[in-house]
Protein backbone atom coordinates (compact mmCIF):
# COMPACT_ATOMS: atom_id res chain seq x y z
CA MET A 1 38.63 27.28 8.73
CA SER A 2 37.33 29.45 5.89
CA GLY A 3 34.05 28.87 4.11
CA ASP A 4 35.81 27.60 0.97
CA GLU A 5 37.92 25.15 2.97
CA ARG A 6 34.84 23.88 4.80
CA ALA A 7 32.99 23.39 1.49
CA ARG A 8 35.94 21.43 0.06
CA CYS A 9 36.07 19.21 3.14
CA GLU A 10 32.34 18.54 2.99
CA ALA A 11 32.57 17.67 -0.71
CA ALA A 12 35.50 15.33 -0.04
CA LEU A 13 33.62 13.60 2.77
CA GLU A 14 30.51 13.24 0.63
CA GLY A 15 32.58 11.63 -2.11
CA PHE A 16 34.24 9.33 0.40
CA PHE A 17 30.92 8.11 1.82
CA GLU A 18 29.51 7.60 -1.68
CA VAL A 19 32.46 5.39 -2.60
CA ALA A 20 32.13 3.55 0.71
CA ARG A 21 28.45 2.81 0.10
CA GLY A 22 29.19 1.48 -3.37
CA TRP A 23 32.08 -0.61 -2.04
CA GLU A 24 29.88 -2.02 0.73
CA PHE A 25 27.19 -3.09 -1.73
CA GLU A 26 29.73 -4.61 -4.14
CA LEU A 27 31.42 -6.48 -1.31
CA ALA A 28 28.09 -7.83 -0.07
CA TRP A 29 27.26 -9.03 -3.57
CA LYS A 30 30.63 -10.76 -3.99
CA LEU A 31 30.28 -12.42 -0.60
CA CYS A 32 26.89 -13.75 -1.70
CA TRP A 33 28.47 -15.54 -4.65
CA LEU A 34 31.44 -16.66 -2.57
CA GLU A 35 29.07 -18.28 -0.10
CA LYS A 36 27.21 -20.01 -2.90
CA GLY A 37 30.47 -21.28 -4.38
CA LEU A 38 31.67 -22.64 -1.06
CA VAL A 39 28.41 -24.33 -0.10
CA GLY A 40 27.64 -25.66 -3.58
CA GLU A 41 24.52 -26.03 -5.66
CA GLY A 42 22.54 -27.70 -2.89
CA TRP A 43 22.76 -24.78 -0.47
CA ARG A 44 19.60 -23.95 1.47
CA ARG A 45 18.55 -21.55 4.17
CA PRO A 46 14.99 -22.70 4.83
CA GLY A 47 12.51 -20.36 6.45
CA THR A 48 14.28 -17.11 5.66
CA GLY A 49 11.66 -15.89 3.16
CA LEU A 50 12.34 -13.43 0.37
CA SER A 51 14.83 -10.65 1.06
CA VAL A 52 15.54 -7.98 -1.55
CA ARG A 53 18.07 -5.19 -1.27
CA ALA A 54 18.27 -2.36 -3.81
CA GLU A 55 21.12 0.11 -4.30
CA GLN A 56 21.56 2.94 -6.79
CA ASP A 57 24.77 3.45 -8.73
CA ALA A 58 25.74 7.10 -8.39
CA ARG A 59 27.41 7.27 -11.80
CA SER A 60 24.85 5.55 -14.02
CA GLY A 61 21.75 6.25 -11.93
CA LEU A 62 20.67 2.61 -12.36
CA TRP A 63 19.36 0.52 -9.49
CA THR A 64 20.65 -2.97 -8.71
CA ALA A 65 18.45 -5.30 -6.66
CA VAL A 66 19.75 -8.50 -5.10
CA GLY A 67 17.12 -11.01 -4.00
CA ASP A 68 17.46 -14.11 -1.84
CA ASP A 69 14.55 -16.49 -1.19
CA GLY A 70 16.50 -18.95 0.93
CA GLU A 71 17.32 -21.15 -2.05
CA ARG A 72 18.79 -18.84 -4.68
CA ARG A 73 20.09 -15.35 -5.14
CA VAL A 74 19.43 -13.27 -8.23
CA ARG A 75 20.59 -9.84 -9.32
CA GLU A 76 18.68 -7.47 -11.61
CA MET A 77 19.20 -3.89 -12.80
CA ALA A 78 16.62 -1.27 -13.79
CA GLY A 79 15.98 2.45 -13.86
CA THR A 80 14.06 2.48 -10.55
CA ALA A 81 14.27 0.60 -7.27
CA ASP A 82 10.67 -0.63 -7.66
CA GLU A 83 11.32 -2.02 -11.14
CA ALA A 84 14.59 -3.71 -10.15
CA THR A 85 12.84 -5.29 -7.16
CA ALA A 86 9.95 -6.43 -9.35
CA LEU A 87 12.38 -8.07 -11.79
CA VAL A 88 13.97 -9.95 -8.89
CA GLN A 89 10.56 -11.12 -7.69
CA GLU A 90 9.68 -12.38 -11.16
CA ALA A 91 13.04 -14.10 -11.55
CA LEU A 92 12.29 -16.00 -8.34
CA GLY A 93 8.90 -17.08 -9.68
CA LEU A 94 6.79 -14.64 -7.66
CA THR A 95 4.12 -12.18 -8.68
CA ALA A 96 5.85 -8.81 -8.85
CA TRP A 97 4.41 -5.63 -7.36
CA ARG A 98 4.72 -2.44 -9.37
CA PRO A 99 3.27 0.92 -8.34
CA GLN A 100 0.28 2.02 -10.37
CA PRO A 101 0.33 5.36 -12.15
CA PRO A 102 -1.85 7.96 -10.42
CA PRO A 103 -5.54 8.01 -11.43
CA PRO A 104 -6.77 10.68 -13.86
CA PRO A 105 -7.70 14.07 -12.37
CA GLY A 106 -11.06 13.88 -10.61
CA TRP A 107 -10.76 10.10 -10.01
CA HIS A 108 -9.83 8.23 -6.83
CA ARG A 109 -8.57 4.75 -6.00
CA PHE A 110 -9.63 3.04 -2.80
CA THR A 111 -10.57 -0.32 -1.30
CA LEU A 112 -14.01 -1.13 0.10
CA ILE A 113 -14.55 -4.12 2.39
CA HIS A 114 -17.75 -5.63 3.75
CA CYS A 115 -16.83 -6.76 7.25
CA PRO A 116 -19.88 -6.20 9.49
CA VAL A 117 -19.40 -5.35 13.15
CA ASP A 118 -21.29 -8.52 14.13
CA GLY A 119 -18.59 -10.60 12.41
CA SER A 120 -20.98 -12.38 10.02
CA SER A 121 -18.94 -11.88 6.88
CA GLU A 122 -18.17 -14.97 4.83
CA GLU A 123 -16.81 -14.35 1.37
CA ASP A 124 -18.90 -17.09 -0.28
CA GLU A 125 -22.23 -16.08 1.30
CA PRO A 126 -25.23 -15.88 -1.10
CA ARG A 127 -25.64 -12.16 -0.41
CA TYR A 128 -22.51 -11.51 -2.48
CA GLU A 129 -23.68 -13.38 -5.58
CA ALA A 130 -25.32 -10.39 -7.29
CA ILE A 131 -22.43 -7.98 -6.73
CA ARG A 132 -19.93 -10.60 -7.86
CA VAL A 133 -21.78 -11.09 -11.11
CA ARG A 134 -22.35 -7.39 -11.69
CA PRO A 135 -19.99 -5.26 -9.60
CA PRO A 136 -20.32 -1.46 -9.60
CA LYS A 137 -18.63 0.33 -12.47
CA GLY A 138 -14.95 0.87 -11.82
CA CYS A 139 -14.69 -1.88 -9.18
CA VAL A 140 -13.06 -5.31 -9.20
CA VAL A 141 -14.14 -7.90 -6.63
CA GLU A 142 -11.30 -9.25 -4.50
CA ASP A 143 -10.91 -11.22 -1.28
CA VAL A 144 -9.38 -8.98 1.38
CA GLY A 145 -8.25 -10.84 4.47
CA GLY A 146 -11.07 -13.38 4.20
CA CYS A 147 -13.74 -10.70 3.74
CA PHE A 148 -15.58 -9.61 0.62
CA GLY A 149 -13.88 -6.58 -0.87
CA MET A 150 -13.43 -4.49 -3.99
CA ARG A 151 -10.63 -2.41 -5.49
CA CYS A 152 -12.26 0.65 -6.99
CA GLU A 153 -11.43 3.62 -9.18
CA ARG A 154 -14.28 6.11 -9.12
CA PRO A 155 -14.92 9.77 -9.98
CA GLY A 156 -15.53 12.42 -7.36
CA ALA A 157 -14.72 16.02 -6.50
CA ARG A 158 -12.82 14.67 -3.46
CA LEU A 159 -12.05 11.22 -2.11
CA LEU A 160 -14.88 11.17 0.42
CA ASP A 161 -17.35 12.26 -2.26
CA ALA A 162 -16.38 9.27 -4.41
CA VAL A 163 -16.54 6.87 -1.45
CA ALA A 164 -19.92 8.13 -0.25
CA GLU A 165 -21.46 7.94 -3.72
CA LEU A 166 -20.30 4.37 -4.22
CA CYS A 167 -21.37 3.22 -0.73
CA GLY A 168 -24.83 4.66 -1.35
CA GLU A 169 -24.99 2.89 -4.71
CA ILE A 170 -24.01 -0.43 -3.13
CA ARG A 171 -26.52 -0.03 -0.29
CA ALA A 172 -29.35 0.75 -2.71
CA GLY A 173 -28.45 -1.84 -5.34
CA TYR A 174 -27.17 -4.77 -3.28
CA GLY A 175 -28.26 -4.18 0.32
CA LEU A 176 -24.69 -4.17 1.67
CA VAL A 177 -23.39 -1.62 4.15
CA MET A 178 -19.73 -1.04 3.28
CA ALA A 179 -17.97 0.25 6.39
CA ASP A 180 -14.29 -0.50 5.83
CA LEU A 181 -11.68 1.20 3.63
CA GLY A 182 -8.96 -1.26 4.59
CA ILE A 183 -7.35 0.97 7.23
CA GLU A 184 -5.80 -1.16 9.97
CA LYS A 185 -4.29 1.47 12.28
CA LEU A 186 -7.04 4.04 12.68
CA TRP A 187 -5.09 5.93 15.34
CA GLU A 188 -2.37 6.88 12.86
CA TRP A 189 -2.57 10.13 10.96
CA SER A 190 -1.32 11.90 7.88
CA GLN A 191 -2.12 15.51 7.05
CA ASP A 192 -1.89 14.92 3.30
CA GLY A 193 -4.99 16.71 2.02
CA THR A 194 -8.52 15.78 1.01
CA ASP A 195 -7.54 12.84 -1.19
CA GLY A 196 -4.74 11.13 0.72
CA TRP A 197 -4.28 8.49 3.37
CA GLY A 198 -5.49 10.79 6.13
CA ALA A 199 -8.77 11.22 4.23
CA GLU A 200 -9.10 7.43 3.97
CA ILE A 201 -8.76 7.17 7.75
CA VAL A 202 -11.45 9.82 8.26
CA GLY A 203 -13.65 8.05 5.69
CA GLN A 204 -13.39 4.73 7.48
CA LEU A 205 -14.18 6.29 10.85
CA LEU A 206 -17.30 7.90 9.36
CA LEU A 207 -18.39 4.66 7.65
CA MET A 208 -17.91 2.72 10.87
CA ALA A 209 -20.02 5.26 12.73
CA ALA A 210 -22.74 5.11 10.05
CA GLU A 211 -22.89 1.32 10.42
CA ARG A 212 -22.72 1.08 14.19
CA ALA A 213 -24.79 4.06 15.35
CA PRO A 214 -28.17 2.65 14.15
CA LYS A 215 -27.49 -0.55 16.11
CA LEU A 216 -27.39 1.62 19.24
CA GLY A 217 -30.46 3.68 18.43
CA TYR A 218 -28.78 6.72 16.85
CA SER A 219 -29.93 7.98 13.47
CA THR A 220 -27.86 9.54 10.70
CA ASP A 221 -29.31 12.92 11.68
CA ASP A 222 -28.10 12.30 15.24
CA LEU A 223 -24.56 11.76 13.91
CA VAL A 224 -24.68 14.95 11.84
CA THR A 225 -25.92 16.90 14.86
CA PHE A 226 -23.18 15.38 17.00
CA LEU A 227 -20.45 16.41 14.55
CA ARG A 228 -21.80 19.93 14.18
CA THR A 229 -22.18 20.41 17.93
CA ALA A 230 -18.86 18.82 18.91
CA SER A 231 -16.89 20.83 16.34
CA ARG A 232 -18.65 24.14 17.00
CA ALA A 233 -16.25 27.00 17.66
CA ALA A 234 -16.32 28.31 21.22
């Protein structure tokens, strides 16, 4: 088979699969309404939770999202999958999630949580009164999994610079040692630069060490010496 013939075959197959995907989505949507018509207005599927499926139309570029919360199905169209999904969530009476635009250059978004290693973190404790009334600039207080937390947007040359500056400010102004950036799976990894998710993982590991080491008798200088010695080139 020549190169031109192979290219034509590949183009034909690509077109076939594109049509098949569109047909599959349209069929699924029609079956949804057929099921509703057969079962009637009182149809229920309790306990299924919200399910949303989004598909892009190859010709128009628009996204169609179909949502089912176990009681109703709705269909919305938008220019992006996130927006179509958000419209479905709102149509079903839920708070929609939409991605935030990136922060301005030199600014960083991150979450800080006060969840001490001894487990004595109660969101309504008196020690949080002052920071609730007057949170640090750029931060909004928010409950995070039952712990006191804040969503922050702060300036810094790099992510860890912004985090360190804010943690120092909170320690000096409110007496709280913030040692959690909301990372749940610390063993995971992403090599996405100084301001990405991988940097957040490194930041949380360092904050955890800064909180826990003094409880064992190690100073901050001891930690710095450990890092320098352990990472020294052979």
